[in-house]
Amino acid sequence: MQTDARLDPTNTMPVAHTVTATWQPGPFDHHRLHAFAVARQALVDGEAIARRLPRGYGTLSDQLRRALLSAYLQVAEAAHRAGADRAARFRGARGEAGEAAAALEAVVLLGLAPAAQVAPVLVLLGRLCAMLTRLGQPPR
């Protein structure tokens, strides 16, 4: 369990949210997708790594953040689409998840974070890519 300070959308005062591996569905279609929960956790865990990258690696940090956020948002968007449009959005999310994985691999290769810290996020992204491969198949 990890505590993360975020803004509550109903209030302007900072509150502590607890980020856990458990997922509680909400009212939207994307909340029913396990792929969304995995993308969500990858986003949170990957952001923690991006935040700790040293000065001089802002471009890598930004690229990692954008790829993680894009994968997360595209999974949500795909859940609200139908047919070929839905499959295309899932394929786009898969591409972004792969890009995020490559950015994290670069972080390890450059010695910017320990492999043990990055590995769990890579596992999440691998799971996400596997799910999105199936979800991104064209409708029959």
C-alpha atoms as a PDB file:
ATOM      1  CA  MET A   1       0.000   0.000   0.000  1.00  0.00           C
ATOM      2  CA  GLN A   2       1.273   3.428  -0.944  1.00  0.00           C
ATOM      3  CA  THR A   3      -0.019   6.847   0.067  1.00  0.00           C
ATOM      4  CA  ASP A   4      -0.237   9.495  -2.619  1.00  0.00           C
ATOM      5  CA  ALA A   5      -1.259  13.140  -2.097  1.00  0.00           C
ATOM      6  CA  ARG A   6      -3.793  14.184  -4.746  1.00  0.00           C
ATOM      7  CA  LEU A   7      -6.572  16.731  -5.028  1.00  0.00           C
ATOM      8  CA  ASP A   8     -10.065  15.500  -4.315  1.00  0.00           C
ATOM      9  CA  PRO A   9     -12.200  16.520  -7.342  1.00  0.00           C
ATOM     10  CA  THR A  10     -15.019  17.650  -5.047  1.00  0.00           C
ATOM     11  CA  ASN A  11     -12.776  19.768  -2.866  1.00  0.00           C
ATOM     12  CA  THR A  12      -9.771  22.017  -3.432  1.00  0.00           C
ATOM     13  CA  MET A  13      -8.019  20.802  -0.280  1.00  0.00           C
ATOM     14  CA  PRO A  14      -5.304  18.132  -0.694  1.00  0.00           C
ATOM     15  CA  VAL A  15      -6.264  14.727   0.667  1.00  0.00           C
ATOM     16  CA  ALA A  16      -4.369  11.459   1.001  1.00  0.00           C
ATOM     17  CA  HIS A  17      -5.562   8.680  -1.282  1.00  0.00           C
ATOM     18  CA  THR A  18      -4.474   5.126  -0.680  1.00  0.00           C
ATOM     19  CA  VAL A  19      -3.406   3.304  -3.804  1.00  0.00           C
ATOM     20  CA  THR A  20      -3.816  -0.461  -3.594  1.00  0.00           C
ATOM     21  CA  ALA A  21      -3.879  -3.393  -5.962  1.00  0.00           C
ATOM     22  CA  THR A  22      -7.587  -3.961  -5.275  1.00  0.00           C
ATOM     23  CA  TRP A  23     -10.074  -2.422  -7.649  1.00  0.00           C
ATOM     24  CA  GLN A  24     -13.581  -1.238  -6.928  1.00  0.00           C
ATOM     25  CA  PRO A  25     -15.693  -0.718 -10.042  1.00  0.00           C
ATOM     26  CA  GLY A  26     -17.415   2.599 -10.595  1.00  0.00           C
ATOM     27  CA  PRO A  27     -20.326   3.666 -12.779  1.00  0.00           C
ATOM     28  CA  PHE A  28     -18.529   3.842 -16.143  1.00  0.00           C
ATOM     29  CA  ASP A  29     -17.874   1.106 -18.701  1.00  0.00           C
ATOM     30  CA  HIS A  30     -14.114   1.301 -18.254  1.00  0.00           C
ATOM     31  CA  HIS A  31     -14.450   0.509 -14.556  1.00  0.00           C
ATOM     32  CA  ARG A  32     -15.598  -2.996 -15.480  1.00  0.00           C
ATOM     33  CA  LEU A  33     -12.420  -3.750 -17.446  1.00  0.00           C
ATOM     34  CA  HIS A  34      -9.586  -5.482 -15.643  1.00  0.00           C
ATOM     35  CA  ALA A  35      -7.236  -3.920 -18.226  1.00  0.00           C
ATOM     36  CA  PHE A  36      -8.226  -0.508 -16.908  1.00  0.00           C
ATOM     37  CA  ALA A  37      -7.300  -1.494 -13.344  1.00  0.00           C
ATOM     38  CA  VAL A  38      -3.908  -2.748 -14.545  1.00  0.00           C
ATOM     39  CA  ALA A  39      -3.326   0.445 -16.566  1.00  0.00           C
ATOM     40  CA  ARG A  40      -4.295   2.481 -13.511  1.00  0.00           C
ATOM     41  CA  GLN A  41      -1.786   0.715 -11.272  1.00  0.00           C
ATOM     42  CA  ALA A  42       0.952   0.988 -13.926  1.00  0.00           C
ATOM     43  CA  LEU A  43       0.230   4.724 -14.164  1.00  0.00           C
ATOM     44  CA  VAL A  44       0.532   5.227 -10.409  1.00  0.00           C
ATOM     45  CA  ASP A  45       3.643   3.086  -9.991  1.00  0.00           C
ATOM     46  CA  GLY A  46       5.311   4.456 -13.139  1.00  0.00           C
ATOM     47  CA  GLU A  47       4.648   8.037 -12.034  1.00  0.00           C
ATOM     48  CA  ALA A  48       6.482   7.330  -8.784  1.00  0.00           C
ATOM     49  CA  ILE A  49       9.538   6.262 -10.799  1.00  0.00           C
ATOM     50  CA  ALA A  50       9.308   9.233 -13.196  1.00  0.00           C
ATOM     51  CA  ARG A  51       9.096  11.627 -10.252  1.00  0.00           C
ATOM     52  CA  ARG A  52      12.416  10.357  -8.871  1.00  0.00           C
ATOM     53  CA  LEU A  53      14.451  10.607 -12.074  1.00  0.00           C
ATOM     54  CA  PRO A  54      17.423  12.949 -11.671  1.00  0.00           C
ATOM     55  CA  ARG A  55      17.724  16.382 -13.243  1.00  0.00           C
ATOM     56  CA  GLY A  56      18.764  16.269 -16.860  1.00  0.00           C
ATOM     57  CA  TYR A  57      16.350  13.458 -17.697  1.00  0.00           C
ATOM     58  CA  GLY A  58      13.197  15.556 -17.927  1.00  0.00           C
ATOM     59  CA  THR A  59      12.551  14.458 -21.507  1.00  0.00           C
ATOM     60  CA  LEU A  60      12.638  10.785 -20.537  1.00  0.00           C
ATOM     61  CA  SER A  61      10.446  11.468 -17.521  1.00  0.00           C
ATOM     62  CA  ASP A  62       7.919  13.384 -19.648  1.00  0.00           C
ATOM     63  CA  GLN A  63       7.865  10.659 -22.308  1.00  0.00           C
ATOM     64  CA  LEU A  64       7.291   7.972 -19.674  1.00  0.00           C
ATOM     65  CA  ARG A  65       4.487   9.964 -18.078  1.00  0.00           C
ATOM     66  CA  ARG A  66       2.796  10.696 -21.410  1.00  0.00           C
ATOM     67  CA  ALA A  67       2.928   7.060 -22.523  1.00  0.00           C
ATOM     68  CA  LEU A  68       1.528   5.781 -19.207  1.00  0.00           C
ATOM     69  CA  LEU A  69      -1.238   8.374 -19.149  1.00  0.00           C
ATOM     70  CA  SER A  70      -2.115   7.798 -22.798  1.00  0.00           C
ATOM     71  CA  ALA A  71      -2.388   4.016 -22.292  1.00  0.00           C
ATOM     72  CA  TYR A  72      -4.643   4.604 -19.283  1.00  0.00           C
ATOM     73  CA  LEU A  73      -6.882   7.096 -21.070  1.00  0.00           C
ATOM     74  CA  GLN A  74      -7.108   5.100 -24.297  1.00  0.00           C
ATOM     75  CA  VAL A  75      -8.262   2.002 -22.408  1.00  0.00           C
ATOM     76  CA  ALA A  76     -10.985   4.130 -20.830  1.00  0.00           C
ATOM     77  CA  GLU A  77     -11.949   5.645 -24.178  1.00  0.00           C
ATOM     78  CA  ALA A  78     -12.044   2.252 -25.923  1.00  0.00           C
ATOM     79  CA  ALA A  79     -14.431   0.896 -23.318  1.00  0.00           C
ATOM     80  CA  HIS A  80     -16.992   3.463 -24.439  1.00  0.00           C
ATOM     81  CA  ARG A  81     -16.652   2.719 -28.160  1.00  0.00           C
ATOM     82  CA  ALA A  82     -17.944  -0.112 -30.328  1.00  0.00           C
ATOM     83  CA  GLY A  83     -16.784  -2.260 -33.232  1.00  0.00           C
ATOM     84  CA  ALA A  84     -13.649  -1.429 -35.178  1.00  0.00           C
ATOM     85  CA  ASP A  85     -13.320   1.940 -33.428  1.00  0.00           C
ATOM     86  CA  ARG A  86     -13.111   0.149 -30.064  1.00  0.00           C
ATOM     87  CA  ALA A  87     -10.472  -2.290 -31.328  1.00  0.00           C
ATOM     88  CA  ALA A  88      -8.406   0.557 -32.789  1.00  0.00           C
ATOM     89  CA  ARG A  89      -8.400   2.391 -29.444  1.00  0.00           C
ATOM     90  CA  PHE A  90      -7.264  -0.752 -27.621  1.00  0.00           C
ATOM     91  CA  ARG A  91      -4.461  -1.210 -30.175  1.00  0.00           C
ATOM     92  CA  GLY A  92      -3.400   2.401 -29.609  1.00  0.00           C
ATOM     93  CA  ALA A  93      -3.346   1.818 -25.861  1.00  0.00           C
ATOM     94  CA  ARG A  94      -1.191  -1.268 -26.436  1.00  0.00           C
ATOM     95  CA  GLY A  95       1.298   0.824 -28.404  1.00  0.00           C
ATOM     96  CA  GLU A  96       1.485   3.365 -25.596  1.00  0.00           C
ATOM     97  CA  ALA A  97       1.972   0.629 -22.990  1.00  0.00           C
ATOM     98  CA  GLY A  98       4.844  -0.749 -25.088  1.00  0.00           C
ATOM     99  CA  GLU A  99       6.372   2.724 -25.299  1.00  0.00           C
ATOM    100  CA  ALA A 100       6.110   3.129 -21.523  1.00  0.00           C
ATOM    101  CA  ALA A 101       7.823  -0.249 -21.079  1.00  0.00           C
ATOM    102  CA  ALA A 102      10.655   0.840 -23.388  1.00  0.00           C
ATOM    103  CA  ALA A 103      11.061   4.086 -21.445  1.00  0.00           C
ATOM    104  CA  LEU A 104      11.300   2.125 -18.190  1.00  0.00           C
ATOM    105  CA  GLU A 105      13.849  -0.219 -19.749  1.00  0.00           C
ATOM    106  CA  ALA A 106      15.871   2.875 -20.729  1.00  0.00           C
ATOM    107  CA  VAL A 107      15.686   4.083 -17.117  1.00  0.00           C
ATOM    108  CA  VAL A 108      17.275   0.819 -15.987  1.00  0.00           C
ATOM    109  CA  LEU A 109      19.838   0.738 -18.826  1.00  0.00           C
ATOM    110  CA  LEU A 110      20.970   4.262 -17.949  1.00  0.00           C
ATOM    111  CA  GLY A 111      21.249   3.353 -14.263  1.00  0.00           C
ATOM    112  CA  LEU A 112      18.647   5.916 -13.203  1.00  0.00           C
ATOM    113  CA  ALA A 113      16.607   3.504 -11.083  1.00  0.00           C
ATOM    114  CA  PRO A 114      17.258   0.012  -9.737  1.00  0.00           C
ATOM    115  CA  ALA A 115      15.910  -2.843 -11.852  1.00  0.00           C
ATOM    116  CA  ALA A 116      14.112  -4.226  -8.791  1.00  0.00           C
ATOM    117  CA  GLN A 117      12.086  -1.005  -8.553  1.00  0.00           C
ATOM    118  CA  VAL A 118      11.190  -0.955 -12.248  1.00  0.00           C
ATOM    119  CA  ALA A 119      10.469  -4.685 -12.693  1.00  0.00           C
ATOM    120  CA  PRO A 120       6.991  -4.687 -11.068  1.00  0.00           C
ATOM    121  CA  VAL A 121       5.831  -1.914 -13.412  1.00  0.00           C
ATOM    122  CA  LEU A 122       7.216  -3.807 -16.407  1.00  0.00           C
ATOM    123  CA  VAL A 123       5.247  -6.861 -15.276  1.00  0.00           C
ATOM    124  CA  LEU A 124       2.073  -4.749 -15.118  1.00  0.00           C
ATOM    125  CA  LEU A 125       2.740  -3.340 -18.573  1.00  0.00           C
ATOM    126  CA  GLY A 126       3.371  -6.832 -19.929  1.00  0.00           C
ATOM    127  CA  ARG A 127       0.030  -7.978 -18.525  1.00  0.00           C
ATOM    128  CA  LEU A 128      -1.652  -4.925 -19.976  1.00  0.00           C
ATOM    129  CA  CYS A 129      -0.169  -5.539 -23.435  1.00  0.00           C
ATOM    130  CA  ALA A 130      -1.371  -9.151 -23.338  1.00  0.00           C
ATOM    131  CA  MET A 131      -4.894  -8.054 -22.423  1.00  0.00           C
ATOM    132  CA  LEU A 132      -4.924  -5.330 -25.049  1.00  0.00           C
ATOM    133  CA  THR A 133      -3.722  -7.740 -27.744  1.00  0.00           C
ATOM    134  CA  ARG A 134      -6.933  -9.717 -27.281  1.00  0.00           C
ATOM    135  CA  LEU A 135      -9.141  -6.661 -26.822  1.00  0.00           C
ATOM    136  CA  GLY A 136      -7.636  -5.010 -29.903  1.00  0.00           C
ATOM    137  CA  GLN A 137      -8.611  -7.785 -32.290  1.00  0.00           C
ATOM    138  CA  PRO A 138     -11.087  -6.642 -34.930  1.00  0.00           C
ATOM    139  CA  PRO A 139     -14.699  -7.601 -34.288  1.00  0.00           C
ATOM    140  CA  ARG A 140     -15.962 -10.659 -36.168  1.00  0.00           C
END
